[in-house]
Amino acid sequence: MRKILIANPKGGSGKSTLSTHLATYFAWQEDAVMLGDLDKQHSSHHWLNLRPSSLPFIHRWDIGEDKIARPPQGCQVAILDTPACFTGKKLKHVISKVDHVIVPVLPSAFDLWACADFFAELAELKAVRRDEVKIGVVGMRVNPRTQSAQQLPDFLNRYDLPLLTCLRDTQLYNQTIQRGMTLFDLPHSKTERDREEWQPLIDWLHVR
């Protein structure tokens, strides 16, 4: 089973966008996918409620009152969306149950500063130190022509973390998400450029 945690201590960083898109991608591969949502706003599960029945099915992962992430039996891919300020004991506990952690980061000074302590906290966790968990970063809403986008790789080098890919800012994300869909539900001809941006992340997740 592939177990994926999407985490960032700052709100509005793109965690739900990553979670729903990855769930959709794997569902199209005929994998049994579970999507969990620890955020009180339940953005990912609201999206799931809107998903058309004609599209590949994604199972709802109800975490339970104890908030312990237990991937259900029978699923091949378990994806867990987390809230802002998801740190400390909660983070330590969940890290021990996943094999990949993806951190979405916006290329702004405020967002980079907010991530600094989080990356340091991740580096101290035993599962990370033992290389039992892979950590990767995805740049969100990135314009490669801007100075802030160019600063992102330099910032991550301080923590020896890979920048897996950068996703551009396009209205296709908003247009699909509000319909319970993602870019992976659209024709390839309409999303070719964006699928190319997602491919390095997908390749990274397939490496054992």
N, C-alpha and C. Protein backbone atom coordinates (compact mmCIF):
# COMPACT_ATOMS: atom_id res chain seq x y z
N MET A 1 0.84 -1.20 0.00
CA MET A 1 0.00 0.00 0.00
C MET A 1 0.88 1.25 0.00
N ARG A 2 0.51 2.22 -0.83
CA ARG A 2 1.22 3.49 -0.85
C ARG A 2 0.49 4.47 0.06
N LYS A 3 1.20 5.03 1.05
CA LYS A 3 0.58 5.91 2.05
C LYS A 3 1.22 7.29 1.95
N ILE A 4 0.41 8.30 1.63
CA ILE A 4 0.91 9.63 1.30
C ILE A 4 0.31 10.66 2.23
N LEU A 5 1.17 11.47 2.85
CA LEU A 5 0.74 12.56 3.72
C LEU A 5 1.02 13.89 3.04
N ILE A 6 0.01 14.75 3.00
CA ILE A 6 0.17 16.11 2.46
C ILE A 6 0.15 17.07 3.64
N ALA A 7 1.24 17.81 3.85
CA ALA A 7 1.33 18.63 5.06
C ALA A 7 2.07 19.93 4.81
N ASN A 8 1.63 20.96 5.49
CA ASN A 8 2.28 22.27 5.52
C ASN A 8 1.66 23.03 6.68
N PRO A 9 2.45 23.69 7.53
CA PRO A 9 1.88 24.36 8.70
C PRO A 9 1.07 25.61 8.36
N LYS A 10 1.16 26.08 7.13
CA LYS A 10 0.47 27.31 6.75
C LYS A 10 -0.79 26.99 5.94
N GLY A 11 -1.87 27.66 6.25
CA GLY A 11 -3.09 27.50 5.49
C GLY A 11 -2.99 28.09 4.10
N GLY A 12 -3.80 27.57 3.18
CA GLY A 12 -3.84 28.12 1.82
C GLY A 12 -2.63 27.79 0.97
N SER A 13 -1.90 26.75 1.34
CA SER A 13 -0.68 26.42 0.60
C SER A 13 -0.93 25.47 -0.56
N GLY A 14 -2.12 24.88 -0.63
CA GLY A 14 -2.43 23.98 -1.74
C GLY A 14 -2.51 22.52 -1.34
N LYS A 15 -2.66 22.24 -0.05
CA LYS A 15 -2.70 20.84 0.41
C LYS A 15 -3.88 20.08 -0.19
N SER A 16 -5.06 20.68 -0.17
CA SER A 16 -6.24 19.98 -0.70
C SER A 16 -6.16 19.82 -2.21
N THR A 17 -5.57 20.78 -2.88
CA THR A 17 -5.39 20.65 -4.33
C THR A 17 -4.51 19.45 -4.65
N LEU A 18 -3.40 19.31 -3.93
CA LEU A 18 -2.54 18.16 -4.15
C LEU A 18 -3.24 16.85 -3.80
N SER A 19 -3.94 16.84 -2.66
CA SER A 19 -4.60 15.62 -2.20
C SER A 19 -5.63 15.12 -3.20
N THR A 20 -6.50 16.00 -3.64
CA THR A 20 -7.57 15.59 -4.56
C THR A 20 -7.03 15.20 -5.92
N HIS A 21 -6.01 15.90 -6.39
CA HIS A 21 -5.45 15.55 -7.69
C HIS A 21 -4.74 14.21 -7.66
N LEU A 22 -3.98 13.95 -6.60
CA LEU A 22 -3.30 12.65 -6.52
C LEU A 22 -4.30 11.52 -6.38
N ALA A 23 -5.36 11.74 -5.60
CA ALA A 23 -6.40 10.71 -5.47
C ALA A 23 -7.03 10.42 -6.83
N THR A 24 -7.27 11.46 -7.61
CA THR A 24 -7.87 11.28 -8.93
C THR A 24 -6.92 10.55 -9.87
N TYR A 25 -5.65 10.95 -9.84
CA TYR A 25 -4.69 10.29 -10.72
C TYR A 25 -4.66 8.79 -10.48
N PHE A 26 -4.52 8.39 -9.21
CA PHE A 26 -4.43 6.96 -8.91
C PHE A 26 -5.74 6.24 -9.19
N ALA A 27 -6.86 6.92 -8.99
CA ALA A 27 -8.16 6.30 -9.30
C ALA A 27 -8.26 5.99 -10.79
N TRP A 28 -7.72 6.85 -11.63
CA TRP A 28 -7.73 6.60 -13.07
C TRP A 28 -6.81 5.43 -13.44
N GLN A 29 -5.88 5.09 -12.56
CA GLN A 29 -5.00 3.94 -12.81
C GLN A 29 -5.63 2.64 -12.34
N GLU A 30 -6.90 2.72 -11.93
CA GLU A 30 -7.65 1.57 -11.42
C GLU A 30 -7.13 1.08 -10.07
N ASP A 31 -6.53 1.99 -9.33
CA ASP A 31 -6.12 1.68 -7.97
C ASP A 31 -7.29 1.95 -7.02
N ALA A 32 -7.35 1.20 -5.93
CA ALA A 32 -8.34 1.47 -4.89
C ALA A 32 -7.79 2.59 -4.00
N VAL A 33 -8.43 3.76 -4.06
CA VAL A 33 -7.90 4.96 -3.43
C VAL A 33 -8.78 5.39 -2.27
N MET A 34 -8.13 5.73 -1.14
CA MET A 34 -8.83 6.29 0.01
C MET A 34 -8.32 7.71 0.23
N LEU A 35 -9.24 8.64 0.40
CA LEU A 35 -8.88 10.04 0.65
C LEU A 35 -9.34 10.43 2.04
N GLY A 36 -8.38 10.74 2.92
CA GLY A 36 -8.69 11.16 4.28
C GLY A 36 -8.50 12.65 4.45
N ASP A 37 -9.20 13.23 5.42
CA ASP A 37 -9.15 14.68 5.62
C ASP A 37 -9.21 14.98 7.11
N LEU A 38 -8.09 15.44 7.67
CA LEU A 38 -8.03 15.77 9.09
C LEU A 38 -8.42 17.22 9.39
N ASP A 39 -8.57 18.03 8.35
CA ASP A 39 -8.91 19.44 8.54
C ASP A 39 -10.37 19.56 9.00
N LYS A 40 -10.62 20.45 9.97
CA LYS A 40 -11.99 20.66 10.45
C LYS A 40 -12.90 21.20 9.35
N GLN A 41 -12.31 21.87 8.36
CA GLN A 41 -13.11 22.40 7.24
C GLN A 41 -13.50 21.30 6.26
N HIS A 42 -12.78 20.20 6.28
CA HIS A 42 -13.07 19.04 5.43
C HIS A 42 -13.19 19.42 3.95
N SER A 43 -12.25 20.21 3.48
CA SER A 43 -12.30 20.65 2.08
C SER A 43 -12.24 19.48 1.10
N SER A 44 -11.36 18.52 1.38
CA SER A 44 -11.23 17.38 0.47
C SER A 44 -12.49 16.53 0.46
N HIS A 45 -13.13 16.36 1.60
CA HIS A 45 -14.35 15.56 1.64
C HIS A 45 -15.54 16.30 1.05
N HIS A 46 -15.56 17.63 1.16
CA HIS A 46 -16.59 18.41 0.45
C HIS A 46 -16.44 18.21 -1.05
N TRP A 47 -15.20 18.23 -1.51
CA TRP A 47 -14.93 17.99 -2.93
C TRP A 47 -15.41 16.59 -3.32
N LEU A 48 -15.16 15.63 -2.46
CA LEU A 48 -15.56 14.26 -2.75
C LEU A 48 -17.08 14.12 -2.86
N ASN A 49 -17.80 14.90 -2.06
CA ASN A 49 -19.27 14.88 -2.14
C ASN A 49 -19.79 15.35 -3.49
N LEU A 50 -19.00 16.20 -4.16
CA LEU A 50 -19.41 16.77 -5.44
C LEU A 50 -18.97 15.92 -6.63
N ARG A 51 -18.18 14.91 -6.39
CA ARG A 51 -17.59 14.14 -7.50
C ARG A 51 -18.66 13.37 -8.27
N PRO A 52 -18.72 13.57 -9.59
CA PRO A 52 -19.71 12.87 -10.42
C PRO A 52 -19.52 11.35 -10.37
N SER A 53 -20.61 10.64 -10.34
CA SER A 53 -20.56 9.18 -10.27
C SER A 53 -20.00 8.55 -11.54
N SER A 54 -19.96 9.30 -12.62
CA SER A 54 -19.45 8.78 -13.88
C SER A 54 -17.92 8.71 -13.91
N LEU A 55 -17.27 9.33 -12.92
CA LEU A 55 -15.81 9.35 -12.88
C LEU A 55 -15.29 8.26 -11.95
N PRO A 56 -14.01 7.89 -12.08
CA PRO A 56 -13.46 6.83 -11.22
C PRO A 56 -13.72 7.12 -9.74
N PHE A 57 -14.13 6.09 -9.03
CA PHE A 57 -14.57 6.26 -7.64
C PHE A 57 -13.39 6.40 -6.69
N ILE A 58 -13.52 7.29 -5.73
CA ILE A 58 -12.53 7.50 -4.68
C ILE A 58 -13.23 7.29 -3.34
N HIS A 59 -12.70 6.40 -2.53
CA HIS A 59 -13.31 6.07 -1.26
C HIS A 59 -13.03 7.16 -0.22
N ARG A 60 -13.99 7.36 0.65
CA ARG A 60 -13.81 8.30 1.75
C ARG A 60 -13.11 7.58 2.91
N TRP A 61 -12.06 8.19 3.40
CA TRP A 61 -11.33 7.64 4.53
C TRP A 61 -11.75 8.41 5.79
N ASP A 62 -12.66 7.83 6.56
CA ASP A 62 -13.10 8.45 7.80
C ASP A 62 -12.11 8.08 8.90
N ILE A 63 -11.43 9.08 9.41
CA ILE A 63 -10.31 8.85 10.32
C ILE A 63 -10.76 8.28 11.65
N GLY A 64 -11.87 8.78 12.18
CA GLY A 64 -12.34 8.31 13.48
C GLY A 64 -12.10 9.33 14.57
N GLU A 65 -12.74 9.14 15.69
CA GLU A 65 -12.68 10.11 16.77
C GLU A 65 -11.29 10.25 17.37
N ASP A 66 -10.49 9.19 17.29
CA ASP A 66 -9.16 9.26 17.90
C ASP A 66 -8.15 10.00 17.02
N LYS A 67 -8.54 10.34 15.79
CA LYS A 67 -7.68 11.08 14.87
C LYS A 67 -6.42 10.32 14.48
N ILE A 68 -6.42 9.01 14.65
CA ILE A 68 -5.26 8.21 14.30
C ILE A 68 -5.40 7.74 12.86
N ALA A 69 -4.36 7.99 12.07
CA ALA A 69 -4.41 7.64 10.66
C ALA A 69 -4.16 6.15 10.48
N ARG A 70 -5.19 5.40 10.24
CA ARG A 70 -5.06 3.97 9.98
C ARG A 70 -5.57 3.68 8.56
N PRO A 71 -4.70 3.51 7.59
CA PRO A 71 -5.17 3.20 6.23
C PRO A 71 -6.01 1.94 6.24
N PRO A 72 -7.21 2.00 5.70
CA PRO A 72 -8.11 0.84 5.72
C PRO A 72 -7.57 -0.31 4.89
N GLN A 73 -7.92 -1.53 5.28
CA GLN A 73 -7.53 -2.70 4.52
C GLN A 73 -8.22 -2.69 3.16
N GLY A 74 -7.52 -3.20 2.17
CA GLY A 74 -8.11 -3.30 0.84
C GLY A 74 -7.77 -2.16 -0.09
N CYS A 75 -7.27 -1.05 0.44
CA CYS A 75 -6.94 0.06 -0.46
C CYS A 75 -5.47 -0.05 -0.88
N GLN A 76 -5.19 0.46 -2.06
CA GLN A 76 -3.84 0.42 -2.59
C GLN A 76 -3.11 1.73 -2.39
N VAL A 77 -3.87 2.81 -2.33
CA VAL A 77 -3.29 4.14 -2.12
C VAL A 77 -4.11 4.88 -1.07
N ALA A 78 -3.46 5.34 -0.01
CA ALA A 78 -4.12 6.11 1.04
C ALA A 78 -3.50 7.50 1.07
N ILE A 79 -4.34 8.53 0.91
CA ILE A 79 -3.86 9.91 0.87
C ILE A 79 -4.51 10.68 2.01
N LEU A 80 -3.71 11.38 2.79
CA LEU A 80 -4.21 12.09 3.95
C LEU A 80 -3.94 13.58 3.84
N ASP A 81 -5.02 14.36 3.78
CA ASP A 81 -4.96 15.82 3.75
C ASP A 81 -4.97 16.32 5.19
N THR A 82 -4.12 17.29 5.51
CA THR A 82 -3.99 17.75 6.89
C THR A 82 -4.28 19.24 7.01
N PRO A 83 -4.60 19.71 8.22
CA PRO A 83 -4.88 21.13 8.43
C PRO A 83 -3.61 21.94 8.63
N ALA A 84 -3.77 23.24 8.71
CA ALA A 84 -2.66 24.12 9.08
C ALA A 84 -2.26 23.83 10.52
N CYS A 85 -1.03 24.17 10.87
CA CYS A 85 -0.52 23.97 12.24
C CYS A 85 -0.51 22.49 12.64
N PHE A 86 -0.37 21.61 11.68
CA PHE A 86 -0.31 20.17 11.96
C PHE A 86 1.13 19.82 12.29
N THR A 87 1.49 19.94 13.57
CA THR A 87 2.86 19.74 14.00
C THR A 87 2.87 18.96 15.32
N GLY A 88 4.05 18.87 15.93
CA GLY A 88 4.15 18.27 17.25
C GLY A 88 3.80 16.79 17.28
N LYS A 89 3.07 16.38 18.34
CA LYS A 89 2.76 14.97 18.55
C LYS A 89 1.91 14.39 17.42
N LYS A 90 0.97 15.19 16.90
CA LYS A 90 0.11 14.70 15.82
C LYS A 90 0.95 14.35 14.58
N LEU A 91 1.84 15.26 14.23
CA LEU A 91 2.70 15.03 13.07
C LEU A 91 3.59 13.81 13.30
N LYS A 92 4.20 13.72 14.48
CA LYS A 92 5.08 12.60 14.80
C LYS A 92 4.35 11.27 14.69
N HIS A 93 3.11 11.25 15.16
CA HIS A 93 2.34 10.01 15.13
C HIS A 93 2.01 9.59 13.71
N VAL A 94 1.54 10.53 12.91
CA VAL A 94 1.12 10.19 11.55
C VAL A 94 2.32 9.85 10.65
N ILE A 95 3.44 10.54 10.86
CA ILE A 95 4.63 10.26 10.06
C ILE A 95 5.02 8.79 10.14
N SER A 96 4.79 8.20 11.31
CA SER A 96 5.18 6.80 11.50
C SER A 96 4.30 5.84 10.70
N LYS A 97 3.22 6.34 10.11
CA LYS A 97 2.27 5.48 9.41
C LYS A 97 2.26 5.71 7.89
N VAL A 98 3.14 6.57 7.38
CA VAL A 98 3.15 6.85 5.95
C VAL A 98 4.54 6.56 5.38
N ASP A 99 4.63 6.55 4.05
CA ASP A 99 5.92 6.35 3.42
C ASP A 99 6.36 7.54 2.56
N HIS A 100 5.43 8.45 2.27
CA HIS A 100 5.76 9.65 1.52
C HIS A 100 5.11 10.87 2.18
N VAL A 101 5.86 11.95 2.27
CA VAL A 101 5.32 13.23 2.74
C VAL A 101 5.56 14.27 1.64
N ILE A 102 4.49 14.93 1.24
CA ILE A 102 4.59 15.98 0.22
C ILE A 102 4.25 17.31 0.89
N VAL A 103 5.11 18.28 0.71
CA VAL A 103 4.91 19.61 1.30
C VAL A 103 4.69 20.61 0.17
N PRO A 104 3.46 21.12 0.01
CA PRO A 104 3.23 22.16 -0.99
C PRO A 104 3.68 23.51 -0.44
N VAL A 105 4.38 24.27 -1.27
CA VAL A 105 4.92 25.55 -0.81
C VAL A 105 4.67 26.62 -1.86
N LEU A 106 4.13 27.74 -1.42
CA LEU A 106 3.99 28.90 -2.30
C LEU A 106 5.30 29.68 -2.31
N PRO A 107 5.72 30.20 -3.46
CA PRO A 107 7.02 30.86 -3.54
C PRO A 107 6.98 32.32 -3.08
N SER A 108 6.56 32.52 -1.84
CA SER A 108 6.56 33.86 -1.27
C SER A 108 7.38 33.85 0.01
N ALA A 109 7.92 35.00 0.39
CA ALA A 109 8.75 35.08 1.59
C ALA A 109 8.00 34.61 2.83
N PHE A 110 6.74 35.02 2.97
CA PHE A 110 5.97 34.65 4.14
C PHE A 110 5.80 33.12 4.23
N ASP A 111 5.53 32.49 3.09
CA ASP A 111 5.33 31.05 3.08
C ASP A 111 6.63 30.30 3.35
N LEU A 112 7.72 30.80 2.81
CA LEU A 112 9.01 30.15 3.05
C LEU A 112 9.40 30.26 4.52
N TRP A 113 9.18 31.43 5.10
CA TRP A 113 9.50 31.60 6.52
C TRP A 113 8.67 30.66 7.38
N ALA A 114 7.40 30.50 7.02
CA ALA A 114 6.51 29.63 7.79
C ALA A 114 6.95 28.18 7.73
N CYS A 115 7.59 27.79 6.63
CA CYS A 115 8.01 26.40 6.45
C CYS A 115 9.34 26.07 7.13
N ALA A 116 10.12 27.09 7.46
CA ALA A 116 11.47 26.85 7.98
C ALA A 116 11.46 25.95 9.22
N ASP A 117 10.66 26.31 10.22
CA ASP A 117 10.60 25.50 11.45
C ASP A 117 10.01 24.12 11.18
N PHE A 118 9.07 24.05 10.24
CA PHE A 118 8.44 22.77 9.90
C PHE A 118 9.46 21.81 9.30
N PHE A 119 10.28 22.30 8.39
CA PHE A 119 11.31 21.45 7.79
C PHE A 119 12.31 20.98 8.84
N ALA A 120 12.65 21.87 9.77
CA ALA A 120 13.57 21.50 10.84
C ALA A 120 12.95 20.43 11.74
N GLU A 121 11.64 20.55 12.00
CA GLU A 121 10.94 19.56 12.81
C GLU A 121 10.91 18.20 12.11
N LEU A 122 10.65 18.21 10.81
CA LEU A 122 10.63 16.96 10.06
C LEU A 122 11.99 16.26 10.12
N ALA A 123 13.05 17.05 10.02
CA ALA A 123 14.41 16.48 9.99
C ALA A 123 14.75 15.76 11.29
N GLU A 124 14.09 16.13 12.38
CA GLU A 124 14.39 15.54 13.68
C GLU A 124 13.60 14.26 13.97
N LEU A 125 12.60 13.96 13.16
CA LEU A 125 11.78 12.78 13.41
C LEU A 125 12.54 11.50 13.06
N LYS A 126 12.39 10.48 13.91
CA LYS A 126 13.15 9.26 13.74
C LYS A 126 12.90 8.59 12.39
N ALA A 127 11.64 8.54 11.98
CA ALA A 127 11.31 7.87 10.71
C ALA A 127 12.00 8.55 9.54
N VAL A 128 12.15 9.87 9.63
CA VAL A 128 12.81 10.62 8.57
C VAL A 128 14.31 10.38 8.63
N ARG A 129 14.87 10.40 9.83
CA ARG A 129 16.32 10.19 9.97
C ARG A 129 16.73 8.81 9.51
N ARG A 130 15.85 7.84 9.70
CA ARG A 130 16.16 6.48 9.28
C ARG A 130 15.84 6.25 7.80
N ASP A 131 15.40 7.27 7.12
CA ASP A 131 15.06 7.21 5.70
C ASP A 131 13.90 6.25 5.44
N GLU A 132 13.02 6.10 6.44
CA GLU A 132 11.83 5.28 6.28
C GLU A 132 10.72 6.04 5.57
N VAL A 133 10.84 7.36 5.57
CA VAL A 133 9.83 8.22 4.95
C VAL A 133 10.54 9.16 3.98
N LYS A 134 10.01 9.24 2.77
CA LYS A 134 10.56 10.15 1.77
C LYS A 134 9.81 11.48 1.83
N ILE A 135 10.54 12.59 1.77
CA ILE A 135 9.93 13.92 1.83
C ILE A 135 10.28 14.68 0.56
N GLY A 136 9.27 15.26 -0.06
CA GLY A 136 9.48 16.06 -1.25
C GLY A 136 8.63 17.32 -1.21
N VAL A 137 9.06 18.34 -1.94
CA VAL A 137 8.38 19.63 -1.95
C VAL A 137 7.85 19.92 -3.34
N VAL A 138 6.65 20.51 -3.38
CA VAL A 138 6.04 20.91 -4.65
C VAL A 138 5.76 22.41 -4.60
N GLY A 139 6.27 23.14 -5.56
CA GLY A 139 5.98 24.57 -5.66
C GLY A 139 4.58 24.77 -6.23
N MET A 140 3.78 25.58 -5.57
CA MET A 140 2.39 25.78 -5.96
C MET A 140 2.18 27.20 -6.51
N ARG A 141 1.38 27.29 -7.58
CA ARG A 141 1.06 28.56 -8.22
C ARG A 141 2.33 29.35 -8.53
N VAL A 142 3.22 28.69 -9.24
CA VAL A 142 4.54 29.25 -9.51
C VAL A 142 4.60 29.86 -10.91
N ASN A 143 5.08 31.08 -10.98
CA ASN A 143 5.42 31.72 -12.25
C ASN A 143 6.93 31.70 -12.37
N PRO A 144 7.49 30.87 -13.26
CA PRO A 144 8.94 30.69 -13.30
C PRO A 144 9.71 31.96 -13.66
N ARG A 145 9.02 32.96 -14.17
CA ARG A 145 9.70 34.20 -14.56
C ARG A 145 9.92 35.16 -13.39
N THR A 146 9.33 34.85 -12.24
CA THR A 146 9.42 35.76 -11.10
C THR A 146 10.65 35.47 -10.24
N GLN A 147 11.10 36.49 -9.52
CA GLN A 147 12.26 36.34 -8.65
C GLN A 147 11.95 35.38 -7.49
N SER A 148 10.72 35.43 -6.98
CA SER A 148 10.36 34.57 -5.86
C SER A 148 10.44 33.10 -6.24
N ALA A 149 10.07 32.77 -7.47
CA ALA A 149 10.16 31.37 -7.92
C ALA A 149 11.60 30.91 -7.98
N GLN A 150 12.49 31.79 -8.35
CA GLN A 150 13.91 31.45 -8.43
C GLN A 150 14.53 31.26 -7.04
N GLN A 151 13.92 31.87 -6.01
CA GLN A 151 14.44 31.74 -4.65
C GLN A 151 14.05 30.42 -4.01
N LEU A 152 13.00 29.78 -4.50
CA LEU A 152 12.51 28.55 -3.89
C LEU A 152 13.55 27.43 -3.86
N PRO A 153 14.23 27.10 -4.96
CA PRO A 153 15.25 26.03 -4.90
C PRO A 153 16.38 26.35 -3.94
N ASP A 154 16.80 27.61 -3.89
CA ASP A 154 17.87 28.00 -2.98
C ASP A 154 17.46 27.80 -1.53
N PHE A 155 16.22 28.13 -1.23
CA PHE A 155 15.70 27.97 0.13
C PHE A 155 15.70 26.49 0.53
N LEU A 156 15.26 25.62 -0.36
CA LEU A 156 15.15 24.19 -0.05
C LEU A 156 16.51 23.52 0.07
N ASN A 157 17.51 24.07 -0.59
CA ASN A 157 18.86 23.50 -0.50
C ASN A 157 19.39 23.54 0.92
N ARG A 158 18.92 24.49 1.71
CA ARG A 158 19.37 24.59 3.10
C ARG A 158 18.94 23.36 3.91
N TYR A 159 17.86 22.73 3.48
CA TYR A 159 17.31 21.61 4.23
C TYR A 159 17.51 20.28 3.51
N ASP A 160 18.24 20.31 2.42
CA ASP A 160 18.52 19.10 1.64
C ASP A 160 17.22 18.39 1.24
N LEU A 161 16.24 19.17 0.80
CA LEU A 161 14.96 18.62 0.38
C LEU A 161 14.79 18.81 -1.13
N PRO A 162 14.27 17.81 -1.82
CA PRO A 162 14.11 17.94 -3.27
C PRO A 162 12.87 18.76 -3.65
N LEU A 163 13.05 19.65 -4.60
CA LEU A 163 11.91 20.33 -5.21
C LEU A 163 11.47 19.46 -6.37
N LEU A 164 10.39 18.72 -6.18
CA LEU A 164 9.98 17.71 -7.14
C LEU A 164 9.47 18.31 -8.43
N THR A 165 8.68 19.36 -8.31
CA THR A 165 8.12 20.03 -9.48
C THR A 165 7.49 21.34 -9.04
N CYS A 166 7.13 22.16 -10.01
CA CYS A 166 6.40 23.40 -9.75
C CYS A 166 5.15 23.41 -10.62
N LEU A 167 4.03 23.75 -10.02
CA LEU A 167 2.76 23.78 -10.72
C LEU A 167 2.36 25.23 -10.99
N ARG A 168 1.95 25.50 -12.19
CA ARG A 168 1.60 26.87 -12.55
C ARG A 168 0.24 27.26 -11.98
N ASP A 169 -0.02 28.55 -12.01
CA ASP A 169 -1.30 29.08 -11.56
C ASP A 169 -2.23 29.15 -12.77
N THR A 170 -3.25 28.32 -12.78
CA THR A 170 -4.21 28.32 -13.88
C THR A 170 -5.63 28.17 -13.34
N GLN A 171 -6.58 28.80 -14.00
CA GLN A 171 -7.97 28.73 -13.56
C GLN A 171 -8.57 27.34 -13.71
N LEU A 172 -7.89 26.47 -14.44
CA LEU A 172 -8.40 25.10 -14.59
C LEU A 172 -8.54 24.41 -13.24
N TYR A 173 -7.66 24.75 -12.31
CA TYR A 173 -7.75 24.13 -10.98
C TYR A 173 -9.06 24.52 -10.29
N ASN A 174 -9.37 25.81 -10.27
CA ASN A 174 -10.61 26.26 -9.63
C ASN A 174 -11.84 25.74 -10.36
N GLN A 175 -11.79 25.76 -11.67
CA GLN A 175 -12.95 25.36 -12.46
C GLN A 175 -13.30 23.89 -12.28
N THR A 176 -12.29 23.05 -12.10
CA THR A 176 -12.56 21.62 -11.94
C THR A 176 -12.89 21.27 -10.49
N ILE A 177 -12.17 21.82 -9.55
CA ILE A 177 -12.36 21.45 -8.14
C ILE A 177 -13.77 21.77 -7.67
N GLN A 178 -14.33 22.88 -8.09
CA GLN A 178 -15.67 23.22 -7.64
C GLN A 178 -16.75 22.31 -8.23
N ARG A 179 -16.36 21.43 -9.14
CA ARG A 179 -17.27 20.45 -9.73
C ARG A 179 -16.97 19.02 -9.27
N GLY A 180 -16.10 18.90 -8.26
CA GLY A 180 -15.74 17.56 -7.79
C GLY A 180 -14.81 16.84 -8.75
N MET A 181 -14.06 17.60 -9.52
CA MET A 181 -13.16 17.03 -10.53
C MET A 181 -11.75 17.58 -10.31
N THR A 182 -10.81 17.09 -11.12
CA THR A 182 -9.46 17.65 -11.16
C THR A 182 -9.01 17.68 -12.62
N LEU A 183 -7.82 18.19 -12.82
CA LEU A 183 -7.29 18.24 -14.19
C LEU A 183 -7.16 16.85 -14.79
N PHE A 184 -6.97 15.84 -13.96
CA PHE A 184 -6.81 14.47 -14.48
C PHE A 184 -8.13 13.89 -15.00
N ASP A 185 -9.23 14.57 -14.74
CA ASP A 185 -10.52 14.14 -15.29
C ASP A 185 -10.80 14.78 -16.64
N LEU A 186 -9.96 15.72 -17.06
CA LEU A 186 -10.15 16.41 -18.33
C LEU A 186 -9.36 15.72 -19.44
N PRO A 187 -9.71 15.98 -20.70
CA PRO A 187 -8.99 15.37 -21.81
C PRO A 187 -7.50 15.73 -21.80
N HIS A 188 -6.67 14.82 -22.22
CA HIS A 188 -5.23 15.07 -22.26
C HIS A 188 -4.90 16.29 -23.11
N SER A 189 -5.64 16.46 -24.19
CA SER A 189 -5.35 17.58 -25.10
C SER A 189 -5.52 18.93 -24.43
N LYS A 190 -6.36 19.00 -23.41
CA LYS A 190 -6.62 20.26 -22.71
C LYS A 190 -5.68 20.49 -21.54
N THR A 191 -5.03 19.43 -21.09
CA THR A 191 -4.23 19.52 -19.87
C THR A 191 -2.80 19.02 -20.06
N GLU A 192 -2.35 18.94 -21.30
CA GLU A 192 -1.04 18.35 -21.57
C GLU A 192 0.08 19.07 -20.82
N ARG A 193 0.06 20.39 -20.86
CA ARG A 193 1.12 21.16 -20.18
C ARG A 193 1.12 20.88 -18.68
N ASP A 194 -0.07 20.85 -18.08
CA ASP A 194 -0.16 20.65 -16.63
C ASP A 194 0.20 19.22 -16.25
N ARG A 195 -0.18 18.25 -17.05
CA ARG A 195 0.20 16.86 -16.77
C ARG A 195 1.72 16.70 -16.79
N GLU A 196 2.38 17.42 -17.67
CA GLU A 196 3.84 17.38 -17.71
C GLU A 196 4.44 17.92 -16.41
N GLU A 197 3.79 18.93 -15.82
CA GLU A 197 4.27 19.48 -14.55
C GLU A 197 4.05 18.48 -13.41
N TRP A 198 2.99 17.71 -13.46
CA TRP A 198 2.69 16.72 -12.42
C TRP A 198 3.56 15.47 -12.52
N GLN A 199 4.07 15.18 -13.71
CA GLN A 199 4.73 13.89 -13.92
C GLN A 199 5.92 13.64 -13.00
N PRO A 200 6.81 14.63 -12.74
CA PRO A 200 7.93 14.35 -11.83
C PRO A 200 7.47 13.92 -10.44
N LEU A 201 6.38 14.51 -9.95
CA LEU A 201 5.84 14.11 -8.64
C LEU A 201 5.32 12.68 -8.70
N ILE A 202 4.59 12.35 -9.75
CA ILE A 202 4.05 11.00 -9.89
C ILE A 202 5.18 9.97 -10.00
N ASP A 203 6.22 10.30 -10.75
CA ASP A 203 7.37 9.39 -10.87
C ASP A 203 8.01 9.16 -9.51
N TRP A 204 8.14 10.22 -8.73
CA TRP A 204 8.75 10.13 -7.39
C TRP A 204 7.93 9.22 -6.48
N LEU A 205 6.61 9.30 -6.58
CA LEU A 205 5.74 8.47 -5.74
C LEU A 205 5.80 7.00 -6.13
N HIS A 206 6.18 6.71 -7.36
CA HIS A 206 6.24 5.32 -7.81
C HIS A 206 7.55 4.65 -7.43
N VAL A 207 8.52 5.42 -6.97
CA VAL A 207 9.81 4.83 -6.57
C VAL A 207 9.68 4.27 -5.16
N ARG A 208 10.03 3.03 -5.01
CA ARG A 208 9.96 2.36 -3.70
C ARG A 208 11.28 2.53 -2.94
